[in-house]
Amino acid sequence: FASIKLASTLKDKSLPPDVFRNQPLCMDQFKALFGSCRIPRTDKDVVEVYPDSAHVAVLSRNQFYFFQALWPDGSVAVDEYDVARIVRAIDLDSSGRQSSVA
């Protein structure tokens, strides 16, 4: 859940920069923390960044799942309880067990 909140603060540009010896550090690399993926190429891989991404992808037992974590405005769309329920449901689904989660 902390990562989702961090992604939200990066989207709305409210994260203050890290400071070292009273100098703010460059935060440009943080743009590639979320909504990004590495795409393999024959000569060298590239990182693609999708700034409008608002979901979380989960890989469980060789199956991909995703859920919306941010609203279109960048605010957090789920709370800790929601994330726990979603991850529990993904675990149950990927294991083939029946879920009692509504």
N, C-alpha and C. Protein backbone atom coordinates (compact mmCIF):
# COMPACT_ATOMS: atom_id res chain seq x y z
N PHE A 1 0.82 -1.19 0.00
CA PHE A 1 0.00 0.00 0.00
C PHE A 1 0.87 1.26 0.00
N ALA A 2 1.99 1.21 0.67
CA ALA A 2 2.90 2.35 0.71
C ALA A 2 3.38 2.71 -0.70
N SER A 3 3.60 1.70 -1.53
CA SER A 3 4.03 1.95 -2.91
C SER A 3 2.94 2.66 -3.72
N ILE A 4 1.70 2.30 -3.47
CA ILE A 4 0.59 2.95 -4.16
C ILE A 4 0.51 4.42 -3.75
N LYS A 5 0.69 4.68 -2.45
CA LYS A 5 0.68 6.08 -1.99
C LYS A 5 1.86 6.85 -2.58
N LEU A 6 3.02 6.22 -2.69
CA LEU A 6 4.18 6.88 -3.29
C LEU A 6 3.91 7.18 -4.77
N ALA A 7 3.31 6.25 -5.48
CA ALA A 7 2.97 6.48 -6.89
C ALA A 7 2.02 7.67 -7.02
N SER A 8 1.08 7.79 -6.10
CA SER A 8 0.15 8.91 -6.12
C SER A 8 0.87 10.24 -5.89
N THR A 9 1.80 10.28 -4.95
CA THR A 9 2.52 11.53 -4.69
C THR A 9 3.44 11.89 -5.86
N LEU A 10 3.95 10.90 -6.56
CA LEU A 10 4.76 11.18 -7.75
C LEU A 10 3.90 11.75 -8.87
N LYS A 11 2.69 11.19 -9.03
CA LYS A 11 1.80 11.67 -10.09
C LYS A 11 1.37 13.12 -9.87
N ASP A 12 1.06 13.45 -8.61
CA ASP A 12 0.61 14.83 -8.37
C ASP A 12 1.76 15.78 -8.02
N LYS A 13 2.98 15.26 -8.16
CA LYS A 13 4.20 16.06 -7.97
C LYS A 13 4.28 16.72 -6.59
N SER A 14 3.76 16.02 -5.56
CA SER A 14 3.81 16.56 -4.20
C SER A 14 4.93 15.95 -3.36
N LEU A 15 5.72 15.07 -3.95
CA LEU A 15 6.83 14.46 -3.22
C LEU A 15 7.99 15.46 -3.16
N PRO A 16 8.40 15.85 -1.96
CA PRO A 16 9.53 16.79 -1.88
C PRO A 16 10.83 16.09 -2.28
N PRO A 17 11.75 16.80 -2.88
CA PRO A 17 13.01 16.17 -3.29
C PRO A 17 13.87 15.79 -2.08
N ASP A 18 14.65 14.74 -2.25
CA ASP A 18 15.65 14.40 -1.25
C ASP A 18 16.67 15.53 -1.21
N VAL A 19 17.24 15.74 -0.04
CA VAL A 19 18.21 16.82 0.12
C VAL A 19 19.50 16.24 0.66
N PHE A 20 20.62 16.68 0.09
CA PHE A 20 21.94 16.27 0.54
C PHE A 20 22.80 17.51 0.68
N ARG A 21 23.30 17.75 1.88
CA ARG A 21 24.10 18.95 2.18
C ARG A 21 23.37 20.22 1.76
N ASN A 22 22.11 20.27 2.13
CA ASN A 22 21.24 21.43 1.84
C ASN A 22 20.99 21.67 0.36
N GLN A 23 21.27 20.70 -0.48
CA GLN A 23 21.01 20.81 -1.92
C GLN A 23 19.96 19.77 -2.32
N PRO A 24 18.88 20.20 -2.98
CA PRO A 24 17.90 19.20 -3.44
C PRO A 24 18.51 18.32 -4.53
N LEU A 25 18.21 17.03 -4.45
CA LEU A 25 18.71 16.09 -5.44
C LEU A 25 17.71 15.95 -6.59
N CYS A 26 18.21 15.58 -7.74
CA CYS A 26 17.38 15.37 -8.92
C CYS A 26 16.45 14.17 -8.68
N MET A 27 15.19 14.35 -8.96
CA MET A 27 14.20 13.29 -8.73
C MET A 27 13.67 12.72 -10.05
N ASP A 28 14.30 13.07 -11.18
CA ASP A 28 13.81 12.62 -12.49
C ASP A 28 13.72 11.11 -12.61
N GLN A 29 14.65 10.37 -12.01
CA GLN A 29 14.66 8.92 -12.15
C GLN A 29 13.44 8.27 -11.49
N PHE A 30 12.77 8.99 -10.58
CA PHE A 30 11.59 8.44 -9.92
C PHE A 30 10.45 8.21 -10.90
N LYS A 31 10.46 8.90 -12.04
CA LYS A 31 9.41 8.74 -13.05
C LYS A 31 9.34 7.30 -13.57
N ALA A 32 10.46 6.59 -13.52
CA ALA A 32 10.50 5.23 -14.05
C ALA A 32 10.21 4.17 -13.00
N LEU A 33 9.89 4.57 -11.77
CA LEU A 33 9.59 3.59 -10.72
C LEU A 33 8.26 2.88 -10.96
N PHE A 34 7.28 3.61 -11.44
CA PHE A 34 5.93 3.07 -11.61
C PHE A 34 5.49 3.29 -13.05
N GLY A 35 4.62 2.41 -13.54
CA GLY A 35 4.12 2.55 -14.89
C GLY A 35 5.19 2.37 -15.93
N SER A 36 6.16 1.53 -15.63
CA SER A 36 7.25 1.33 -16.58
C SER A 36 7.52 -0.16 -16.77
N CYS A 37 8.18 -0.47 -17.86
CA CYS A 37 8.57 -1.85 -18.11
C CYS A 37 9.82 -1.87 -18.98
N ARG A 38 10.53 -2.94 -18.87
CA ARG A 38 11.73 -3.13 -19.70
C ARG A 38 11.32 -3.93 -20.93
N ILE A 39 11.70 -3.45 -22.09
CA ILE A 39 11.38 -4.13 -23.34
C ILE A 39 12.68 -4.63 -23.95
N PRO A 40 12.81 -5.94 -24.10
CA PRO A 40 14.06 -6.48 -24.65
C PRO A 40 14.21 -6.15 -26.13
N ARG A 41 15.39 -5.78 -26.52
CA ARG A 41 15.76 -5.53 -27.91
C ARG A 41 17.03 -6.33 -28.20
N THR A 42 17.31 -6.56 -29.45
CA THR A 42 18.49 -7.36 -29.79
C THR A 42 19.79 -6.64 -29.44
N ASP A 43 19.85 -5.32 -29.64
CA ASP A 43 21.09 -4.61 -29.32
C ASP A 43 21.15 -4.21 -27.85
N LYS A 44 20.06 -3.64 -27.31
CA LYS A 44 19.99 -3.35 -25.88
C LYS A 44 18.54 -3.10 -25.49
N ASP A 45 18.22 -3.42 -24.25
CA ASP A 45 16.86 -3.25 -23.76
C ASP A 45 16.55 -1.76 -23.59
N VAL A 46 15.26 -1.45 -23.65
CA VAL A 46 14.81 -0.08 -23.41
C VAL A 46 13.75 -0.09 -22.31
N VAL A 47 13.64 1.01 -21.59
CA VAL A 47 12.61 1.16 -20.57
C VAL A 47 11.54 2.09 -21.12
N GLU A 48 10.32 1.60 -21.15
CA GLU A 48 9.18 2.40 -21.58
C GLU A 48 8.42 2.84 -20.33
N VAL A 49 8.03 4.11 -20.29
CA VAL A 49 7.29 4.64 -19.15
C VAL A 49 5.91 5.08 -19.64
N TYR A 50 4.88 4.66 -18.93
CA TYR A 50 3.50 5.00 -19.23
C TYR A 50 2.96 5.85 -18.08
N PRO A 51 3.07 7.17 -18.17
CA PRO A 51 2.71 8.02 -17.04
C PRO A 51 1.24 7.97 -16.64
N ASP A 52 0.36 7.52 -17.54
CA ASP A 52 -1.06 7.43 -17.21
C ASP A 52 -1.45 6.10 -16.57
N SER A 53 -0.49 5.22 -16.37
CA SER A 53 -0.77 3.93 -15.76
C SER A 53 -1.35 4.12 -14.36
N ALA A 54 -2.38 3.35 -14.05
CA ALA A 54 -3.04 3.49 -12.75
C ALA A 54 -3.37 2.14 -12.13
N HIS A 55 -2.72 1.08 -12.61
CA HIS A 55 -3.04 -0.25 -12.12
C HIS A 55 -1.80 -0.92 -11.53
N VAL A 56 -2.04 -2.01 -10.82
CA VAL A 56 -0.98 -2.85 -10.28
C VAL A 56 -1.09 -4.20 -10.97
N ALA A 57 0.01 -4.71 -11.47
CA ALA A 57 0.03 -6.04 -12.07
C ALA A 57 0.61 -7.01 -11.05
N VAL A 58 0.00 -8.17 -10.96
CA VAL A 58 0.43 -9.21 -10.02
C VAL A 58 0.64 -10.50 -10.80
N LEU A 59 1.77 -11.13 -10.62
CA LEU A 59 2.03 -12.45 -11.21
C LEU A 59 1.95 -13.48 -10.10
N SER A 60 1.04 -14.42 -10.23
CA SER A 60 0.87 -15.46 -9.22
C SER A 60 0.71 -16.80 -9.91
N ARG A 61 1.63 -17.69 -9.64
CA ARG A 61 1.61 -19.04 -10.22
C ARG A 61 1.45 -19.00 -11.75
N ASN A 62 2.30 -18.20 -12.39
CA ASN A 62 2.34 -18.06 -13.84
C ASN A 62 1.06 -17.48 -14.44
N GLN A 63 0.27 -16.80 -13.65
CA GLN A 63 -0.94 -16.13 -14.14
C GLN A 63 -0.83 -14.65 -13.80
N PHE A 64 -1.22 -13.81 -14.74
CA PHE A 64 -1.18 -12.37 -14.53
C PHE A 64 -2.55 -11.86 -14.10
N TYR A 65 -2.54 -10.96 -13.15
CA TYR A 65 -3.74 -10.29 -12.66
C TYR A 65 -3.43 -8.80 -12.59
N PHE A 66 -4.46 -7.99 -12.60
CA PHE A 66 -4.24 -6.56 -12.37
C PHE A 66 -5.46 -5.97 -11.69
N PHE A 67 -5.22 -4.87 -10.99
CA PHE A 67 -6.32 -4.13 -10.38
C PHE A 67 -5.99 -2.64 -10.39
N GLN A 68 -7.04 -1.83 -10.42
CA GLN A 68 -6.86 -0.38 -10.44
C GLN A 68 -6.45 0.08 -9.05
N ALA A 69 -5.35 0.83 -8.98
CA ALA A 69 -4.83 1.32 -7.71
C ALA A 69 -4.98 2.83 -7.57
N LEU A 70 -5.02 3.53 -8.72
CA LEU A 70 -5.15 4.98 -8.70
C LEU A 70 -6.32 5.41 -9.56
N TRP A 71 -6.98 6.47 -9.14
CA TRP A 71 -8.03 7.08 -9.96
C TRP A 71 -7.38 7.86 -11.09
N PRO A 72 -8.12 8.23 -12.12
CA PRO A 72 -7.53 8.97 -13.23
C PRO A 72 -6.82 10.27 -12.81
N ASP A 73 -7.26 10.88 -11.72
CA ASP A 73 -6.60 12.10 -11.25
C ASP A 73 -5.33 11.83 -10.45
N GLY A 74 -5.00 10.55 -10.26
CA GLY A 74 -3.78 10.18 -9.54
C GLY A 74 -3.98 9.90 -8.07
N SER A 75 -5.17 10.11 -7.55
CA SER A 75 -5.41 9.83 -6.13
C SER A 75 -5.56 8.32 -5.91
N VAL A 76 -5.34 7.90 -4.70
CA VAL A 76 -5.36 6.47 -4.34
C VAL A 76 -6.78 5.93 -4.43
N ALA A 77 -6.96 4.82 -5.13
CA ALA A 77 -8.29 4.23 -5.35
C ALA A 77 -8.59 3.08 -4.40
N VAL A 78 -7.60 2.59 -3.69
CA VAL A 78 -7.79 1.46 -2.78
C VAL A 78 -7.16 1.78 -1.43
N ASP A 79 -7.61 1.09 -0.40
CA ASP A 79 -6.96 1.22 0.90
C ASP A 79 -6.26 -0.10 1.23
N GLU A 80 -5.63 -0.15 2.39
CA GLU A 80 -4.86 -1.35 2.76
C GLU A 80 -5.75 -2.59 2.81
N TYR A 81 -6.97 -2.42 3.31
CA TYR A 81 -7.91 -3.54 3.39
C TYR A 81 -8.25 -4.05 1.99
N ASP A 82 -8.50 -3.13 1.06
CA ASP A 82 -8.80 -3.54 -0.33
C ASP A 82 -7.65 -4.33 -0.93
N VAL A 83 -6.43 -3.83 -0.76
CA VAL A 83 -5.25 -4.50 -1.32
C VAL A 83 -5.12 -5.90 -0.72
N ALA A 84 -5.30 -6.03 0.58
CA ALA A 84 -5.20 -7.35 1.23
C ALA A 84 -6.25 -8.31 0.67
N ARG A 85 -7.49 -7.84 0.50
CA ARG A 85 -8.55 -8.69 -0.05
C ARG A 85 -8.25 -9.09 -1.49
N ILE A 86 -7.77 -8.14 -2.28
CA ILE A 86 -7.47 -8.42 -3.69
C ILE A 86 -6.35 -9.45 -3.80
N VAL A 87 -5.29 -9.26 -3.03
CA VAL A 87 -4.16 -10.19 -3.09
C VAL A 87 -4.58 -11.57 -2.60
N ARG A 88 -5.42 -11.64 -1.57
CA ARG A 88 -5.93 -12.92 -1.07
C ARG A 88 -6.76 -13.61 -2.16
N ALA A 89 -7.61 -12.84 -2.85
CA ALA A 89 -8.44 -13.41 -3.91
C ALA A 89 -7.58 -13.89 -5.08
N ILE A 90 -6.53 -13.14 -5.41
CA ILE A 90 -5.61 -13.57 -6.47
C ILE A 90 -4.93 -14.87 -6.08
N ASP A 91 -4.47 -14.97 -4.85
CA ASP A 91 -3.81 -16.19 -4.37
C ASP A 91 -4.76 -17.38 -4.45
N LEU A 92 -6.00 -17.19 -4.01
CA LEU A 92 -6.97 -18.28 -4.09
C LEU A 92 -7.27 -18.68 -5.52
N ASP A 93 -7.48 -17.69 -6.39
CA ASP A 93 -7.80 -17.98 -7.79
C ASP A 93 -6.65 -18.70 -8.48
N SER A 94 -5.44 -18.24 -8.27
CA SER A 94 -4.31 -18.84 -8.96
C SER A 94 -3.99 -20.24 -8.44
N SER A 95 -4.42 -20.54 -7.22
CA SER A 95 -4.18 -21.88 -6.67
C SER A 95 -5.29 -22.85 -7.04
N GLY A 96 -6.38 -22.33 -7.61
CA GLY A 96 -7.50 -23.20 -7.99
C GLY A 96 -8.48 -23.44 -6.87
N ARG A 97 -8.24 -22.83 -5.71
CA ARG A 97 -9.16 -22.99 -4.57
C ARG A 97 -10.34 -22.04 -4.74
N GLN A 98 -11.43 -22.36 -4.08
CA GLN A 98 -12.61 -21.52 -4.13
C GLN A 98 -12.47 -20.37 -3.15
N SER A 99 -12.93 -19.22 -3.55
CA SER A 99 -12.84 -18.04 -2.71
C SER A 99 -14.16 -17.78 -2.01
N SER A 100 -14.07 -17.41 -0.72
CA SER A 100 -15.27 -16.99 0.00
C SER A 100 -15.33 -15.47 0.07
N VAL A 101 -14.39 -14.79 -0.64
CA VAL A 101 -14.35 -13.33 -0.68
C VAL A 101 -15.40 -12.86 -1.65
N ALA A 102 -16.25 -11.95 -1.21
CA ALA A 102 -17.30 -11.43 -2.09
C ALA A 102 -16.81 -10.33 -2.97
